[in-house]
Amino acid sequence: MLKKIQETAHFIKDKVEVIPNIAIILGTGLGELAHEISDKKEIPYEQIPNFPLSTVEGHSGKLIFGKLGGKDVIAMQGRFHFYEGYNMKEVTFPIRVFQALGIEYLFVSNAAGGMNGSFDIGDIMLIDDHINLFPEHPLHGKNYKELGVRFPDMSEAYNKELRLMAMQVAKDNNIKLQHGVYIGTQGPTFETPSEYNYFRIIGGDAVGMSTVPEVIVANHAKMKVLAFSIITDLGVIGKIVECTHEDVQEAAKIAQPKMAFIMQEIIKKI
């Protein structure tokens, strides 16, 4: 595993002139943020040694290097999911490569179903915390001390300072910003009404099929994490309707410019 991580990191270092300290993961329907990145250099995943390939519509599958908010960034346009058949080491492999490259800040986005009755489709939720319901843990198995400690602390999985900055940017620019707990599940089915109700009862505000594995590994790697969910469908009793992947993509695209703006403003400040 360590050899693969270093091999991939060396490949990337040879391809780009500047290695940023900020990385961004763009979720379903949120790849449009990539258009905001200037001075771009793109590397398709299939050209990167040891990288998995994204098989989901709305995840184009490339690493983008360039500038956002005046700072050098790496963006993953397309992520990997447990439901695609990858194990958790494969799902989180890019985070390990980011660690080897010296990434300090990780910005994550996703599309999620909202269970909080105050949420509307198109809302942006700042993730304050998460509940991990994936059947496999990304740190399961042998621990490599070069990557982190055996029992990492998760008391502040989502960096408080970055969250306060996001709240201030939203307030200053009159952007509605919700807060909540994200529940990560394996998918690929959308939730039943009873599952939505269960997730709400145990403390969730939104649910999705990603993010939690990457955030766990990023914390293991001592990165500062900021994450957003765009609420693309509702799991609120009385508001549940049939949902398709295309619906999720469309709702995410409509809301993503506001999320992109918040991200850019924070990146300017760090």
C-alpha atoms as a PDB file:
ATOM      1  CA  MET A   1       0.000   0.000   0.000  1.00  0.00           C
ATOM      2  CA  LEU A   2       2.747   2.474   0.943  1.00  0.00           C
ATOM      3  CA  LYS A   3       4.594   1.671  -2.288  1.00  0.00           C
ATOM      4  CA  LYS A   4       1.469   2.323  -4.386  1.00  0.00           C
ATOM      5  CA  ILE A   5       0.831   5.627  -2.615  1.00  0.00           C
ATOM      6  CA  GLN A   6       4.390   6.826  -3.240  1.00  0.00           C
ATOM      7  CA  GLU A   7       4.345   5.625  -6.849  1.00  0.00           C
ATOM      8  CA  THR A   8       1.186   7.602  -7.572  1.00  0.00           C
ATOM      9  CA  ALA A   9       2.437  10.689  -5.726  1.00  0.00           C
ATOM     10  CA  HIS A  10       5.723  10.657  -7.678  1.00  0.00           C
ATOM     11  CA  PHE A  11       3.797  10.342 -10.959  1.00  0.00           C
ATOM     12  CA  ILE A  12       1.729  13.418 -10.099  1.00  0.00           C
ATOM     13  CA  LYS A  13       4.754  15.425  -8.946  1.00  0.00           C
ATOM     14  CA  ASP A  14       6.403  14.780 -12.308  1.00  0.00           C
ATOM     15  CA  LYS A  15       3.320  16.039 -14.162  1.00  0.00           C
ATOM     16  CA  VAL A  16       2.774  19.406 -12.468  1.00  0.00           C
ATOM     17  CA  GLU A  17       5.001  22.354 -11.597  1.00  0.00           C
ATOM     18  CA  VAL A  18       3.289  23.336  -8.328  1.00  0.00           C
ATOM     19  CA  ILE A  19       1.906  20.992  -5.674  1.00  0.00           C
ATOM     20  CA  PRO A  20      -0.888  22.806  -3.764  1.00  0.00           C
ATOM     21  CA  ASN A  21      -1.757  22.332  -0.103  1.00  0.00           C
ATOM     22  CA  ILE A  22      -5.521  22.495  -0.802  1.00  0.00           C
ATOM     23  CA  ALA A  23      -7.584  19.664  -2.311  1.00  0.00           C
ATOM     24  CA  ILE A  24     -11.259  19.610  -3.306  1.00  0.00           C
ATOM     25  CA  ILE A  25     -13.550  16.624  -3.927  1.00  0.00           C
ATOM     26  CA  LEU A  26     -16.472  17.422  -6.218  1.00  0.00           C
ATOM     27  CA  GLY A  27     -19.552  15.264  -5.674  1.00  0.00           C
ATOM     28  CA  THR A  28     -22.484  14.223  -7.867  1.00  0.00           C
ATOM     29  CA  GLY A  29     -23.596  17.051 -10.144  1.00  0.00           C
ATOM     30  CA  LEU A  30     -21.039  19.403  -8.614  1.00  0.00           C
ATOM     31  CA  GLY A  31     -18.317  19.092 -11.220  1.00  0.00           C
ATOM     32  CA  GLU A  32     -19.259  22.497 -12.617  1.00  0.00           C
ATOM     33  CA  LEU A  33     -17.058  24.053  -9.926  1.00  0.00           C
ATOM     34  CA  ALA A  34     -14.139  22.890 -12.035  1.00  0.00           C
ATOM     35  CA  HIS A  35     -15.025  25.627 -14.543  1.00  0.00           C
ATOM     36  CA  GLU A  36     -14.112  28.199 -11.890  1.00  0.00           C
ATOM     37  CA  ILE A  37     -10.544  26.868 -11.747  1.00  0.00           C
ATOM     38  CA  SER A  38      -8.106  28.840 -13.917  1.00  0.00           C
ATOM     39  CA  ASP A  39      -4.709  27.882 -15.391  1.00  0.00           C
ATOM     40  CA  LYS A  40      -5.897  24.298 -15.477  1.00  0.00           C
ATOM     41  CA  LYS A  41      -3.942  21.138 -16.072  1.00  0.00           C
ATOM     42  CA  GLU A  42      -6.056  17.979 -16.189  1.00  0.00           C
ATOM     43  CA  ILE A  43      -4.995  14.358 -15.703  1.00  0.00           C
ATOM     44  CA  PRO A  44      -7.630  11.667 -16.442  1.00  0.00           C
ATOM     45  CA  TYR A  45      -7.828   8.997 -13.770  1.00  0.00           C
ATOM     46  CA  GLU A  46      -7.059   6.243 -16.271  1.00  0.00           C
ATOM     47  CA  GLN A  47      -3.597   7.769 -16.782  1.00  0.00           C
ATOM     48  CA  ILE A  48      -2.756   7.808 -13.064  1.00  0.00           C
ATOM     49  CA  PRO A  49      -1.080   4.650 -11.751  1.00  0.00           C
ATOM     50  CA  ASN A  50      -3.054   2.742  -9.090  1.00  0.00           C
ATOM     51  CA  PHE A  51      -6.044   5.106  -9.318  1.00  0.00           C
ATOM     52  CA  PRO A  52      -9.528   3.551  -9.469  1.00  0.00           C
ATOM     53  CA  LEU A  53     -11.934   4.720 -12.168  1.00  0.00           C
ATOM     54  CA  SER A  54     -15.205   6.520 -11.500  1.00  0.00           C
ATOM     55  CA  THR A  55     -18.162   4.641 -13.018  1.00  0.00           C
ATOM     56  CA  VAL A  56     -21.007   6.946 -11.983  1.00  0.00           C
ATOM     57  CA  GLU A  57     -22.783   9.439 -14.231  1.00  0.00           C
ATOM     58  CA  GLY A  58     -21.994  12.951 -13.019  1.00  0.00           C
ATOM     59  CA  HIS A  59     -18.447  11.978 -12.037  1.00  0.00           C
ATOM     60  CA  SER A  60     -16.199  12.690 -15.024  1.00  0.00           C
ATOM     61  CA  GLY A  61     -13.016  11.177 -13.603  1.00  0.00           C
ATOM     62  CA  LYS A  62     -10.026  13.506 -13.652  1.00  0.00           C
ATOM     63  CA  LEU A  63      -7.626  15.380 -11.403  1.00  0.00           C
ATOM     64  CA  ILE A  64      -7.556  19.107 -12.065  1.00  0.00           C
ATOM     65  CA  PHE A  65      -4.661  21.357 -11.045  1.00  0.00           C
ATOM     66  CA  GLY A  66      -5.015  25.126 -11.175  1.00  0.00           C
ATOM     67  CA  LYS A  67      -6.020  28.236  -9.269  1.00  0.00           C
ATOM     68  CA  LEU A  68      -9.194  28.913  -7.308  1.00  0.00           C
ATOM     69  CA  GLY A  69      -9.639  31.967  -5.120  1.00  0.00           C
ATOM     70  CA  GLY A  70      -6.123  32.987  -6.099  1.00  0.00           C
ATOM     71  CA  LYS A  71      -4.603  29.829  -4.591  1.00  0.00           C
ATOM     72  CA  ASP A  72      -3.217  26.656  -6.143  1.00  0.00           C
ATOM     73  CA  VAL A  73      -5.615  23.715  -5.708  1.00  0.00           C
ATOM     74  CA  ILE A  74      -6.107  20.100  -6.722  1.00  0.00           C
ATOM     75  CA  ALA A  75      -9.681  19.083  -7.542  1.00  0.00           C
ATOM     76  CA  MET A  76     -11.072  15.600  -7.962  1.00  0.00           C
ATOM     77  CA  GLN A  77     -13.792  15.847 -10.587  1.00  0.00           C
ATOM     78  CA  GLY A  78     -15.416  12.549  -9.722  1.00  0.00           C
ATOM     79  CA  ARG A  79     -14.941  10.369  -6.646  1.00  0.00           C
ATOM     80  CA  PHE A  80     -15.129   6.662  -5.870  1.00  0.00           C
ATOM     81  CA  HIS A  81     -17.910   4.940  -3.947  1.00  0.00           C
ATOM     82  CA  PHE A  82     -18.182   1.758  -1.922  1.00  0.00           C
ATOM     83  CA  TYR A  83     -21.304   0.773  -3.903  1.00  0.00           C
ATOM     84  CA  GLU A  84     -19.257   0.668  -7.128  1.00  0.00           C
ATOM     85  CA  GLY A  85     -17.551  -2.440  -5.769  1.00  0.00           C
ATOM     86  CA  TYR A  86     -14.403  -0.786  -4.482  1.00  0.00           C
ATOM     87  CA  ASN A  87     -13.160  -1.580  -1.001  1.00  0.00           C
ATOM     88  CA  MET A  88     -12.570   1.264   1.425  1.00  0.00           C
ATOM     89  CA  LYS A  89      -8.814   1.338   0.806  1.00  0.00           C
ATOM     90  CA  GLU A  90      -9.573   1.966  -2.881  1.00  0.00           C
ATOM     91  CA  VAL A  91     -12.322   4.501  -2.155  1.00  0.00           C
ATOM     92  CA  THR A  92      -9.932   6.548  -0.006  1.00  0.00           C
ATOM     93  CA  PHE A  93      -6.736   5.957  -1.984  1.00  0.00           C
ATOM     94  CA  PRO A  94      -6.743   9.527  -3.416  1.00  0.00           C
ATOM     95  CA  ILE A  95      -6.724  10.931   0.138  1.00  0.00           C
ATOM     96  CA  ARG A  96      -3.598   8.920   0.885  1.00  0.00           C
ATOM     97  CA  VAL A  97      -1.998  10.311  -2.262  1.00  0.00           C
ATOM     98  CA  PHE A  98      -2.980  13.827  -1.165  1.00  0.00           C
ATOM     99  CA  GLN A  99      -1.323  13.088   2.165  1.00  0.00           C
ATOM    100  CA  ALA A 100       1.879  12.066   0.378  1.00  0.00           C
ATOM    101  CA  LEU A 101       1.707  15.287  -1.653  1.00  0.00           C
ATOM    102  CA  GLY A 102       1.486  17.402   1.514  1.00  0.00           C
ATOM    103  CA  ILE A 103      -2.171  18.454   1.347  1.00  0.00           C
ATOM    104  CA  GLU A 104      -3.215  20.325   4.507  1.00  0.00           C
ATOM    105  CA  TYR A 105      -6.799  21.338   3.682  1.00  0.00           C
ATOM    106  CA  LEU A 106      -9.524  19.126   2.226  1.00  0.00           C
ATOM    107  CA  PHE A 107     -12.801  20.587   0.925  1.00  0.00           C
ATOM    108  CA  VAL A 108     -15.525  18.020   0.226  1.00  0.00           C
ATOM    109  CA  SER A 109     -18.911  18.318  -1.453  1.00  0.00           C
ATOM    110  CA  ASN A 110     -21.758  15.902  -1.988  1.00  0.00           C
ATOM    111  CA  ALA A 111     -25.401  15.614  -2.969  1.00  0.00           C
ATOM    112  CA  ALA A 112     -27.614  14.382  -0.143  1.00  0.00           C
ATOM    113  CA  GLY A 113     -31.166  13.658   0.869  1.00  0.00           C
ATOM    114  CA  GLY A 114     -32.470  15.924   3.623  1.00  0.00           C
ATOM    115  CA  MET A 115     -34.397  14.598   6.639  1.00  0.00           C
ATOM    116  CA  ASN A 116     -34.583  17.897   8.533  1.00  0.00           C
ATOM    117  CA  GLY A 117     -38.060  19.406   8.202  1.00  0.00           C
ATOM    118  CA  SER A 118     -36.623  22.916   7.796  1.00  0.00           C
ATOM    119  CA  PHE A 119     -34.643  21.917   4.677  1.00  0.00           C
ATOM    120  CA  ASP A 120     -35.686  22.610   1.099  1.00  0.00           C
ATOM    121  CA  ILE A 121     -34.354  21.133  -2.126  1.00  0.00           C
ATOM    122  CA  GLY A 122     -31.419  23.265  -3.235  1.00  0.00           C
ATOM    123  CA  ASP A 123     -30.298  24.172   0.291  1.00  0.00           C
ATOM    124  CA  ILE A 124     -26.597  24.036   1.142  1.00  0.00           C
ATOM    125  CA  MET A 125     -25.829  22.245   4.401  1.00  0.00           C
ATOM    126  CA  LEU A 126     -22.564  22.836   6.201  1.00  0.00           C
ATOM    127  CA  ILE A 127     -21.612  19.475   7.692  1.00  0.00           C
ATOM    128  CA  ASP A 128     -20.964  19.839  11.414  1.00  0.00           C
ATOM    129  CA  ASP A 129     -20.483  16.134  12.118  1.00  0.00           C
ATOM    130  CA  HIS A 130     -21.273  12.708  10.694  1.00  0.00           C
ATOM    131  CA  ILE A 131     -22.557   9.253  11.608  1.00  0.00           C
ATOM    132  CA  ASN A 132     -20.765   6.389   9.902  1.00  0.00           C
ATOM    133  CA  LEU A 133     -23.098   3.571   8.817  1.00  0.00           C
ATOM    134  CA  PHE A 134     -20.848   2.053   6.167  1.00  0.00           C
ATOM    135  CA  PRO A 135     -20.326  -1.700   6.651  1.00  0.00           C
ATOM    136  CA  GLU A 136     -16.542  -1.427   6.211  1.00  0.00           C
ATOM    137  CA  HIS A 137     -14.243   1.059   7.962  1.00  0.00           C
ATOM    138  CA  PRO A 138     -11.534   2.769   5.863  1.00  0.00           C
ATOM    139  CA  LEU A 139      -8.949   2.230   8.637  1.00  0.00           C
ATOM    140  CA  HIS A 140      -9.772  -1.458   9.036  1.00  0.00           C
ATOM    141  CA  GLY A 141      -6.720  -3.707   8.903  1.00  0.00           C
ATOM    142  CA  LYS A 142      -3.030  -3.066   9.466  1.00  0.00           C
ATOM    143  CA  ASN A 143      -2.182   0.450  10.601  1.00  0.00           C
ATOM    144  CA  TYR A 144       0.864   2.094   9.052  1.00  0.00           C
ATOM    145  CA  LYS A 145       2.417   4.536  11.511  1.00  0.00           C
ATOM    146  CA  GLU A 146       3.701   6.520   8.537  1.00  0.00           C
ATOM    147  CA  LEU A 147       0.075   7.367   7.735  1.00  0.00           C
ATOM    148  CA  GLY A 148      -1.311   8.023  11.206  1.00  0.00           C
ATOM    149  CA  VAL A 149      -2.031   6.644  14.642  1.00  0.00           C
ATOM    150  CA  ARG A 150      -3.938   3.411  15.285  1.00  0.00           C
ATOM    151  CA  PHE A 151      -6.837   5.133  17.094  1.00  0.00           C
ATOM    152  CA  PRO A 152      -7.337   8.619  15.597  1.00  0.00           C
ATOM    153  CA  ASP A 153      -9.416  11.238  17.401  1.00  0.00           C
ATOM    154  CA  MET A 154     -12.643  12.280  15.654  1.00  0.00           C
ATOM    155  CA  SER A 155     -13.945  14.859  18.126  1.00  0.00           C
ATOM    156  CA  GLU A 156     -13.587  17.601  15.487  1.00  0.00           C
ATOM    157  CA  ALA A 157     -13.766  15.737  12.201  1.00  0.00           C
ATOM    158  CA  TYR A 158     -14.906  18.945  10.480  1.00  0.00           C
ATOM    159  CA  ASN A 159     -12.583  21.814  11.336  1.00  0.00           C
ATOM    160  CA  LYS A 160     -14.270  24.383  13.568  1.00  0.00           C
ATOM    161  CA  GLU A 161     -12.256  27.347  12.276  1.00  0.00           C
ATOM    162  CA  LEU A 162     -13.134  26.570   8.648  1.00  0.00           C
ATOM    163  CA  ARG A 163     -16.805  26.115   9.556  1.00  0.00           C
ATOM    164  CA  LEU A 164     -16.864  29.521  11.256  1.00  0.00           C
ATOM    165  CA  MET A 165     -15.324  31.055   8.131  1.00  0.00           C
ATOM    166  CA  ALA A 166     -18.012  29.426   5.969  1.00  0.00           C
ATOM    167  CA  MET A 167     -20.741  30.788   8.237  1.00  0.00           C
ATOM    168  CA  GLN A 168     -19.291  34.291   8.037  1.00  0.00           C
ATOM    169  CA  VAL A 169     -18.973  34.215   4.244  1.00  0.00           C
ATOM    170  CA  ALA A 170     -22.588  33.035   3.942  1.00  0.00           C
ATOM    171  CA  LYS A 171     -23.795  35.735   6.330  1.00  0.00           C
ATOM    172  CA  ASP A 172     -21.847  38.518   4.603  1.00  0.00           C
ATOM    173  CA  ASN A 173     -23.235  37.523   1.207  1.00  0.00           C
ATOM    174  CA  ASN A 174     -26.807  36.708   2.233  1.00  0.00           C
ATOM    175  CA  ILE A 175     -26.449  33.026   1.321  1.00  0.00           C
ATOM    176  CA  LYS A 176     -28.776  30.645   3.133  1.00  0.00           C
ATOM    177  CA  LEU A 177     -26.607  28.059   4.873  1.00  0.00           C
ATOM    178  CA  GLN A 178     -28.074  25.164   6.808  1.00  0.00           C
ATOM    179  CA  HIS A 179     -26.173  23.109   9.402  1.00  0.00           C
ATOM    180  CA  GLY A 180     -26.408  19.474  10.258  1.00  0.00           C
ATOM    181  CA  VAL A 181     -25.174  15.946  10.731  1.00  0.00           C
ATOM    182  CA  TYR A 182     -24.462  13.851   7.630  1.00  0.00           C
ATOM    183  CA  ILE A 183     -25.141  10.119   7.675  1.00  0.00           C
ATOM    184  CA  GLY A 184     -23.014   7.981   5.367  1.00  0.00           C
ATOM    185  CA  THR A 185     -24.524   4.750   3.998  1.00  0.00           C
ATOM    186  CA  GLN A 186     -23.309   2.251   1.424  1.00  0.00           C
ATOM    187  CA  GLY A 187     -26.086   2.685  -1.203  1.00  0.00           C
ATOM    188  CA  PRO A 188     -26.760   2.435  -4.085  1.00  0.00           C
ATOM    189  CA  THR A 189     -30.504   2.551  -3.358  1.00  0.00           C
ATOM    190  CA  PHE A 190     -32.126   5.767  -2.251  1.00  0.00           C
ATOM    191  CA  GLU A 191     -33.741   5.488   1.168  1.00  0.00           C
ATOM    192  CA  THR A 192     -37.164   4.113   2.050  1.00  0.00           C
ATOM    193  CA  PRO A 193     -39.465   6.392   4.069  1.00  0.00           C
ATOM    194  CA  SER A 194     -38.805   4.282   7.173  1.00  0.00           C
ATOM    195  CA  GLU A 195     -35.045   4.529   6.662  1.00  0.00           C
ATOM    196  CA  TYR A 196     -35.294   8.318   6.353  1.00  0.00           C
ATOM    197  CA  ASN A 197     -37.291   8.368   9.588  1.00  0.00           C
ATOM    198  CA  TYR A 198     -34.750   6.122  11.331  1.00  0.00           C
ATOM    199  CA  PHE A 199     -31.835   8.304  10.222  1.00  0.00           C
ATOM    200  CA  ARG A 200     -33.641  11.364  11.547  1.00  0.00           C
ATOM    201  CA  ILE A 201     -34.351   9.685  14.882  1.00  0.00           C
ATOM    202  CA  ILE A 202     -30.675   8.794  15.406  1.00  0.00           C
ATOM    203  CA  GLY A 203     -29.578  12.378  14.797  1.00  0.00           C
ATOM    204  CA  GLY A 204     -29.125  12.824  11.066  1.00  0.00           C
ATOM    205  CA  ASP A 205     -30.073  15.861   9.011  1.00  0.00           C
ATOM    206  CA  ALA A 206     -28.921  14.572   5.614  1.00  0.00           C
ATOM    207  CA  VAL A 207     -27.906  11.215   4.158  1.00  0.00           C
ATOM    208  CA  GLY A 208     -25.649  10.202   1.298  1.00  0.00           C
ATOM    209  CA  MET A 209     -23.353   7.501  -0.058  1.00  0.00           C
ATOM    210  CA  SER A 210     -19.957   9.161   0.203  1.00  0.00           C
ATOM    211  CA  THR A 211     -17.822  11.662   2.142  1.00  0.00           C
ATOM    212  CA  VAL A 212     -17.531   9.830   5.472  1.00  0.00           C
ATOM    213  CA  PRO A 213     -14.730   7.453   4.342  1.00  0.00           C
ATOM    214  CA  GLU A 214     -12.674  10.292   2.856  1.00  0.00           C
ATOM    215  CA  VAL A 215     -13.176  12.469   5.945  1.00  0.00           C
ATOM    216  CA  ILE A 216     -12.078   9.676   8.283  1.00  0.00           C
ATOM    217  CA  VAL A 217      -8.871   9.108   6.327  1.00  0.00           C
ATOM    218  CA  ALA A 218      -8.230  12.858   6.029  1.00  0.00           C
ATOM    219  CA  ASN A 219      -8.466  13.161   9.807  1.00  0.00           C
ATOM    220  CA  HIS A 220      -6.145  10.180  10.181  1.00  0.00           C
ATOM    221  CA  ALA A 221      -3.747  12.156   7.955  1.00  0.00           C
ATOM    222  CA  LYS A 222      -4.163  15.325  10.098  1.00  0.00           C
ATOM    223  CA  MET A 223      -5.830  17.351   7.342  1.00  0.00           C
ATOM    224  CA  LYS A 224      -8.267  20.166   8.125  1.00  0.00           C
ATOM    225  CA  VAL A 225     -11.625  19.260   6.599  1.00  0.00           C
ATOM    226  CA  LEU A 226     -14.578  21.366   5.461  1.00  0.00           C
ATOM    227  CA  ALA A 227     -17.594  19.691   3.840  1.00  0.00           C
ATOM    228  CA  PHE A 228     -20.917  20.692   2.316  1.00  0.00           C
ATOM    229  CA  SER A 229     -24.020  18.795   1.261  1.00  0.00           C
ATOM    230  CA  ILE A 230     -26.385  20.138  -1.346  1.00  0.00           C
ATOM    231  CA  ILE A 231     -29.876  18.921  -0.497  1.00  0.00           C
ATOM    232  CA  THR A 232     -31.115  17.377  -3.724  1.00  0.00           C
ATOM    233  CA  ASP A 233     -34.140  15.442  -2.442  1.00  0.00           C
ATOM    234  CA  LEU A 234     -36.225  15.326   0.735  1.00  0.00           C
ATOM    235  CA  GLY A 235     -36.788  12.455   3.126  1.00  0.00           C
ATOM    236  CA  VAL A 236     -39.217  14.401   5.283  1.00  0.00           C
ATOM    237  CA  ILE A 237     -42.501  12.654   6.076  1.00  0.00           C
ATOM    238  CA  GLY A 238     -45.154  14.135   3.809  1.00  0.00           C
ATOM    239  CA  LYS A 239     -42.585  15.482   1.333  1.00  0.00           C
ATOM    240  CA  ILE A 240     -41.060  12.216   0.072  1.00  0.00           C
ATOM    241  CA  VAL A 241     -41.419  11.710  -3.676  1.00  0.00           C
ATOM    242  CA  GLU A 242     -39.823   9.332  -6.166  1.00  0.00           C
ATOM    243  CA  CYS A 243     -36.187  10.289  -6.770  1.00  0.00           C
ATOM    244  CA  THR A 244     -33.856   9.551  -9.675  1.00  0.00           C
ATOM    245  CA  HIS A 245     -30.128  10.083 -10.150  1.00  0.00           C
ATOM    246  CA  GLU A 246     -30.948  12.636 -12.851  1.00  0.00           C
ATOM    247  CA  ASP A 247     -33.077  14.621 -10.380  1.00  0.00           C
ATOM    248  CA  VAL A 248     -30.156  14.674  -7.946  1.00  0.00           C
ATOM    249  CA  GLN A 249     -27.736  15.884 -10.605  1.00  0.00           C
ATOM    250  CA  GLU A 250     -30.058  18.672 -11.739  1.00  0.00           C
ATOM    251  CA  ALA A 251     -30.719  19.964  -8.208  1.00  0.00           C
ATOM    252  CA  ALA A 252     -26.992  19.896  -7.432  1.00  0.00           C
ATOM    253  CA  LYS A 253     -26.115  21.900 -10.542  1.00  0.00           C
ATOM    254  CA  ILE A 254     -28.599  24.629  -9.668  1.00  0.00           C
ATOM    255  CA  ALA A 255     -27.276  25.087  -6.128  1.00  0.00           C
ATOM    256  CA  GLN A 256     -23.571  24.592  -6.720  1.00  0.00           C
ATOM    257  CA  PRO A 257     -22.651  28.215  -7.719  1.00  0.00           C
ATOM    258  CA  LYS A 258     -23.390  29.408  -4.162  1.00  0.00           C
ATOM    259  CA  MET A 259     -21.356  26.592  -2.660  1.00  0.00           C
ATOM    260  CA  ALA A 260     -18.535  27.327  -5.097  1.00  0.00           C
ATOM    261  CA  PHE A 261     -18.559  30.972  -4.044  1.00  0.00           C
ATOM    262  CA  ILE A 262     -18.295  30.064  -0.344  1.00  0.00           C
ATOM    263  CA  MET A 263     -15.398  27.710  -1.072  1.00  0.00           C
ATOM    264  CA  GLN A 264     -13.550  30.310  -3.121  1.00  0.00           C
ATOM    265  CA  GLU A 265     -13.897  32.971  -0.436  1.00  0.00           C
ATOM    266  CA  ILE A 266     -12.545  30.636   2.239  1.00  0.00           C
ATOM    267  CA  ILE A 267      -9.668  29.538   0.035  1.00  0.00           C
ATOM    268  CA  LYS A 268      -8.730  33.209  -0.406  1.00  0.00           C
ATOM    269  CA  LYS A 269      -8.401  33.541   3.369  1.00  0.00           C
ATOM    270  CA  ILE A 270      -6.335  30.450   4.222  1.00  0.00           C
END
